[in-house]
N, C-alpha and C. Protein backbone atom coordinates (compact mmCIF):
# COMPACT_ATOMS: atom_id res chain seq x y z
N UNK A 1 0.85 -1.16 0.00
CA UNK A 1 0.00 0.00 0.00
C UNK A 1 0.89 1.23 0.00
N UNK A 2 0.59 2.18 -0.87
CA UNK A 2 1.43 3.38 -0.98
C UNK A 2 1.09 4.37 0.11
N UNK A 3 1.97 5.31 0.28
CA UNK A 3 1.76 6.35 1.30
C UNK A 3 0.51 7.16 0.99
N UNK A 4 0.28 7.43 -0.28
CA UNK A 4 -0.90 8.19 -0.69
C UNK A 4 -2.18 7.47 -0.28
N UNK A 5 -2.22 6.17 -0.46
CA UNK A 5 -3.39 5.37 -0.10
C UNK A 5 -3.59 5.37 1.42
N UNK A 6 -2.48 5.29 2.16
CA UNK A 6 -2.56 5.31 3.63
C UNK A 6 -3.14 6.65 4.12
N UNK A 7 -2.69 7.74 3.52
CA UNK A 7 -3.19 9.06 3.91
C UNK A 7 -4.69 9.17 3.61
N UNK A 8 -5.10 8.71 2.44
CA UNK A 8 -6.51 8.73 2.07
C UNK A 8 -7.35 7.89 3.03
N UNK A 9 -6.84 6.72 3.38
CA UNK A 9 -7.54 5.84 4.29
C UNK A 9 -7.66 6.47 5.67
N UNK A 10 -6.60 7.09 6.16
CA UNK A 10 -6.63 7.74 7.47
C UNK A 10 -7.62 8.90 7.47
N UNK A 11 -7.65 9.69 6.40
CA UNK A 11 -8.57 10.81 6.31
C UNK A 11 -10.01 10.32 6.33
N UNK A 12 -10.29 9.21 5.62
CA UNK A 12 -11.64 8.64 5.61
C UNK A 12 -12.04 8.19 7.00
N UNK A 13 -11.12 7.57 7.75
CA UNK A 13 -11.41 7.14 9.10
C UNK A 13 -11.73 8.33 9.98
N UNK A 14 -11.00 9.43 9.85
CA UNK A 14 -11.27 10.64 10.63
C UNK A 14 -12.63 11.23 10.28
N UNK A 15 -13.00 11.23 9.01
CA UNK A 15 -14.30 11.73 8.60
C UNK A 15 -15.41 10.86 9.16
N UNK A 16 -15.21 9.53 9.15
CA UNK A 16 -16.21 8.62 9.70
C UNK A 16 -16.42 8.86 11.19
N UNK A 17 -15.35 9.09 11.91
CA UNK A 17 -15.45 9.36 13.34
C UNK A 17 -16.21 10.66 13.57
N UNK A 18 -15.92 11.68 12.80
CA UNK A 18 -16.60 12.96 12.97
C UNK A 18 -18.07 12.85 12.68
N UNK A 19 -18.48 12.01 11.74
CA UNK A 19 -19.88 11.88 11.37
C UNK A 19 -20.65 10.93 12.28
N UNK A 20 -20.00 10.25 13.18
CA UNK A 20 -20.65 9.24 13.99
C UNK A 20 -21.02 9.71 15.38
N UNK A 21 -21.04 11.00 15.62
CA UNK A 21 -21.44 11.51 16.92
C UNK A 21 -22.97 11.49 17.03
N UNK A 22 -23.45 11.32 18.25
CA UNK A 22 -24.91 11.27 18.50
C UNK A 22 -25.26 12.10 19.71
N UNK A 23 -26.44 12.75 19.67
CA UNK A 23 -26.99 13.34 20.87
C UNK A 23 -27.96 12.34 21.46
N UNK A 24 -27.76 12.02 22.73
CA UNK A 24 -28.66 11.14 23.43
C UNK A 24 -29.37 11.94 24.51
N UNK A 25 -30.68 11.81 24.55
CA UNK A 25 -31.50 12.44 25.59
C UNK A 25 -31.93 11.34 26.57
N UNK A 26 -31.82 11.66 27.87
CA UNK A 26 -32.14 10.70 28.92
C UNK A 26 -33.46 11.08 29.62
N UNK A 27 -34.11 10.06 30.12
CA UNK A 27 -35.36 10.26 30.85
C UNK A 27 -35.09 10.95 32.19
N UNK A 28 -36.06 11.73 32.63
CA UNK A 28 -36.00 12.32 33.96
C UNK A 28 -37.43 12.45 34.49
N UNK A 29 -37.55 12.79 35.74
CA UNK A 29 -38.87 12.92 36.36
C UNK A 29 -39.32 14.37 36.45
N UNK A 30 -38.66 15.26 35.70
CA UNK A 30 -38.91 16.68 35.82
C UNK A 30 -39.67 17.23 34.62
N UNK A 31 -39.21 16.92 33.42
CA UNK A 31 -39.75 17.50 32.20
C UNK A 31 -41.00 16.78 31.72
N UNK A 32 -41.95 17.57 31.22
CA UNK A 32 -43.20 16.99 30.69
C UNK A 32 -42.97 16.57 29.26
N UNK A 33 -43.88 15.73 28.77
CA UNK A 33 -43.82 15.30 27.37
C UNK A 33 -43.87 16.52 26.45
N UNK A 34 -44.77 17.46 26.76
CA UNK A 34 -44.92 18.64 25.91
C UNK A 34 -43.66 19.45 25.86
N UNK A 35 -42.98 19.60 26.98
CA UNK A 35 -41.73 20.39 27.02
C UNK A 35 -40.64 19.68 26.18
N UNK A 36 -40.53 18.37 26.33
CA UNK A 36 -39.52 17.63 25.56
C UNK A 36 -39.82 17.72 24.07
N UNK A 37 -41.07 17.54 23.70
CA UNK A 37 -41.47 17.62 22.28
C UNK A 37 -41.19 18.99 21.72
N UNK A 38 -41.64 20.04 22.42
CA UNK A 38 -41.42 21.41 21.96
C UNK A 38 -39.92 21.73 21.82
N UNK A 39 -39.14 21.25 22.78
CA UNK A 39 -37.69 21.51 22.73
C UNK A 39 -37.04 20.80 21.55
N UNK A 40 -37.38 19.54 21.30
CA UNK A 40 -36.83 18.82 20.17
C UNK A 40 -37.20 19.46 18.83
N UNK A 41 -38.42 19.96 18.75
CA UNK A 41 -38.84 20.66 17.51
C UNK A 41 -38.03 21.94 17.34
N UNK A 42 -37.90 22.69 18.42
CA UNK A 42 -37.22 24.00 18.34
C UNK A 42 -35.70 23.87 18.16
N UNK A 43 -35.08 22.98 18.93
CA UNK A 43 -33.61 22.91 18.95
C UNK A 43 -33.06 21.97 17.89
N UNK A 44 -33.70 20.83 17.69
CA UNK A 44 -33.17 19.81 16.78
C UNK A 44 -33.85 19.75 15.42
N UNK A 45 -34.77 20.69 15.18
CA UNK A 45 -35.51 20.76 13.92
C UNK A 45 -36.28 19.47 13.62
N UNK A 46 -36.78 18.81 14.66
CA UNK A 46 -37.63 17.63 14.46
C UNK A 46 -39.02 18.07 14.03
N UNK A 47 -39.71 17.18 13.34
CA UNK A 47 -41.13 17.41 13.11
C UNK A 47 -41.83 17.06 14.42
N UNK A 48 -43.06 17.53 14.60
CA UNK A 48 -43.76 17.19 15.85
C UNK A 48 -43.92 15.68 16.04
N UNK A 49 -44.11 14.94 14.96
CA UNK A 49 -44.24 13.48 15.07
C UNK A 49 -42.93 12.85 15.49
N UNK A 50 -41.81 13.28 14.89
CA UNK A 50 -40.50 12.77 15.29
C UNK A 50 -40.24 13.05 16.76
N UNK A 51 -40.52 14.26 17.18
CA UNK A 51 -40.26 14.65 18.56
C UNK A 51 -41.12 13.84 19.52
N UNK A 52 -42.36 13.61 19.15
CA UNK A 52 -43.25 12.80 20.01
C UNK A 52 -42.73 11.36 20.11
N UNK A 53 -42.30 10.79 19.02
CA UNK A 53 -41.76 9.43 19.02
C UNK A 53 -40.52 9.35 19.88
N UNK A 54 -39.63 10.34 19.76
CA UNK A 54 -38.42 10.34 20.56
C UNK A 54 -38.76 10.46 22.06
N UNK A 55 -39.74 11.30 22.39
CA UNK A 55 -40.11 11.47 23.80
C UNK A 55 -40.67 10.18 24.37
N UNK A 56 -41.41 9.42 23.57
CA UNK A 56 -41.93 8.14 24.03
C UNK A 56 -40.80 7.11 24.22
N UNK A 57 -39.87 7.10 23.30
CA UNK A 57 -38.72 6.20 23.43
C UNK A 57 -37.93 6.53 24.69
N UNK A 58 -37.69 7.83 24.94
CA UNK A 58 -37.00 8.25 26.15
C UNK A 58 -37.75 7.78 27.37
N UNK A 59 -39.05 7.96 27.37
CA UNK A 59 -39.87 7.59 28.53
C UNK A 59 -39.81 6.08 28.81
N UNK A 60 -39.98 5.28 27.79
CA UNK A 60 -40.07 3.83 27.98
C UNK A 60 -38.72 3.13 28.03
N UNK A 61 -37.71 3.65 27.31
CA UNK A 61 -36.39 2.99 27.29
C UNK A 61 -35.34 3.69 28.14
N UNK A 62 -35.65 4.88 28.62
CA UNK A 62 -34.72 5.60 29.45
C UNK A 62 -33.79 6.54 28.70
N UNK A 63 -33.69 6.35 27.40
CA UNK A 63 -32.84 7.22 26.56
C UNK A 63 -33.20 7.04 25.10
N UNK A 64 -32.76 8.00 24.29
CA UNK A 64 -33.01 7.93 22.85
C UNK A 64 -31.99 8.79 22.11
N UNK A 65 -31.46 8.27 21.02
CA UNK A 65 -30.62 9.06 20.14
C UNK A 65 -31.53 9.98 19.33
N UNK A 66 -31.38 11.28 19.53
CA UNK A 66 -32.28 12.22 18.87
C UNK A 66 -31.66 12.88 17.65
N UNK A 67 -30.32 12.81 17.51
CA UNK A 67 -29.66 13.44 16.38
C UNK A 67 -28.31 12.80 16.17
N UNK A 68 -27.90 12.64 14.94
CA UNK A 68 -26.56 12.16 14.61
C UNK A 68 -25.92 13.10 13.60
N UNK A 69 -24.60 13.14 13.61
CA UNK A 69 -23.91 13.99 12.65
C UNK A 69 -22.53 14.40 13.16
N UNK A 70 -22.07 15.52 12.65
CA UNK A 70 -20.75 16.04 13.03
C UNK A 70 -20.79 16.64 14.43
N UNK A 71 -19.76 16.37 15.19
CA UNK A 71 -19.69 16.82 16.59
C UNK A 71 -19.93 18.32 16.70
N UNK A 72 -19.27 19.13 15.88
CA UNK A 72 -19.36 20.59 15.99
C UNK A 72 -20.79 21.09 15.81
N UNK A 73 -21.55 20.51 14.92
CA UNK A 73 -22.93 20.90 14.72
C UNK A 73 -23.82 20.42 15.88
N UNK A 74 -23.55 19.22 16.36
CA UNK A 74 -24.33 18.67 17.45
C UNK A 74 -24.09 19.39 18.76
N UNK A 75 -22.91 19.92 18.94
CA UNK A 75 -22.56 20.60 20.19
C UNK A 75 -23.53 21.76 20.46
N UNK A 76 -23.83 22.53 19.44
CA UNK A 76 -24.73 23.68 19.57
C UNK A 76 -26.12 23.19 19.97
N UNK A 77 -26.60 22.13 19.31
CA UNK A 77 -27.92 21.61 19.64
C UNK A 77 -27.96 21.00 21.03
N UNK A 78 -26.92 20.32 21.41
CA UNK A 78 -26.88 19.70 22.75
C UNK A 78 -26.91 20.78 23.83
N UNK A 79 -26.19 21.86 23.60
CA UNK A 79 -26.21 22.97 24.56
C UNK A 79 -27.64 23.53 24.69
N UNK A 80 -28.34 23.63 23.57
CA UNK A 80 -29.72 24.10 23.58
C UNK A 80 -30.63 23.19 24.38
N UNK A 81 -30.43 21.87 24.24
CA UNK A 81 -31.21 20.91 25.00
C UNK A 81 -30.92 21.03 26.49
N UNK A 82 -29.65 21.17 26.83
CA UNK A 82 -29.24 21.30 28.23
C UNK A 82 -29.80 22.60 28.83
N UNK A 83 -29.77 23.69 28.08
CA UNK A 83 -30.28 24.96 28.57
C UNK A 83 -31.78 24.91 28.79
N UNK A 84 -32.46 24.02 28.06
CA UNK A 84 -33.90 23.85 28.22
C UNK A 84 -34.23 22.92 29.39
N UNK A 85 -33.21 22.37 30.02
CA UNK A 85 -33.42 21.52 31.19
C UNK A 85 -33.48 20.04 30.90
N UNK A 86 -33.20 19.63 29.65
CA UNK A 86 -33.20 18.21 29.33
C UNK A 86 -31.86 17.59 29.70
N UNK A 87 -31.85 16.31 29.98
CA UNK A 87 -30.61 15.58 30.25
C UNK A 87 -30.13 15.01 28.91
N UNK A 88 -28.98 15.52 28.43
CA UNK A 88 -28.49 15.11 27.13
C UNK A 88 -26.98 15.11 27.13
N UNK A 89 -26.42 14.31 26.22
CA UNK A 89 -24.97 14.30 26.02
C UNK A 89 -24.64 13.88 24.60
N UNK A 90 -23.43 14.18 24.18
CA UNK A 90 -22.94 13.77 22.86
C UNK A 90 -22.02 12.60 23.09
N UNK A 91 -22.23 11.52 22.34
CA UNK A 91 -21.34 10.35 22.39
C UNK A 91 -20.83 10.02 21.02
């Protein structure tokens, strides 16, 4: 394998890692369904149906991946979720 191919392969791996970040929202006993749904629509650009489905998954499973993509873009959205009082993190 040539050096050029190794560099290309390494760059692809770095791009894959950057694209594989996820925002996970966790269940809590504080926020209402309506608040979670409204926040997901406002912060993550979900449709109302997507947001409702995510809120149900969070409620019954304890957590849900609500967004995937590049870390830098997700960081802004995760901060918005945290500021709204939701329990969320990027993994």
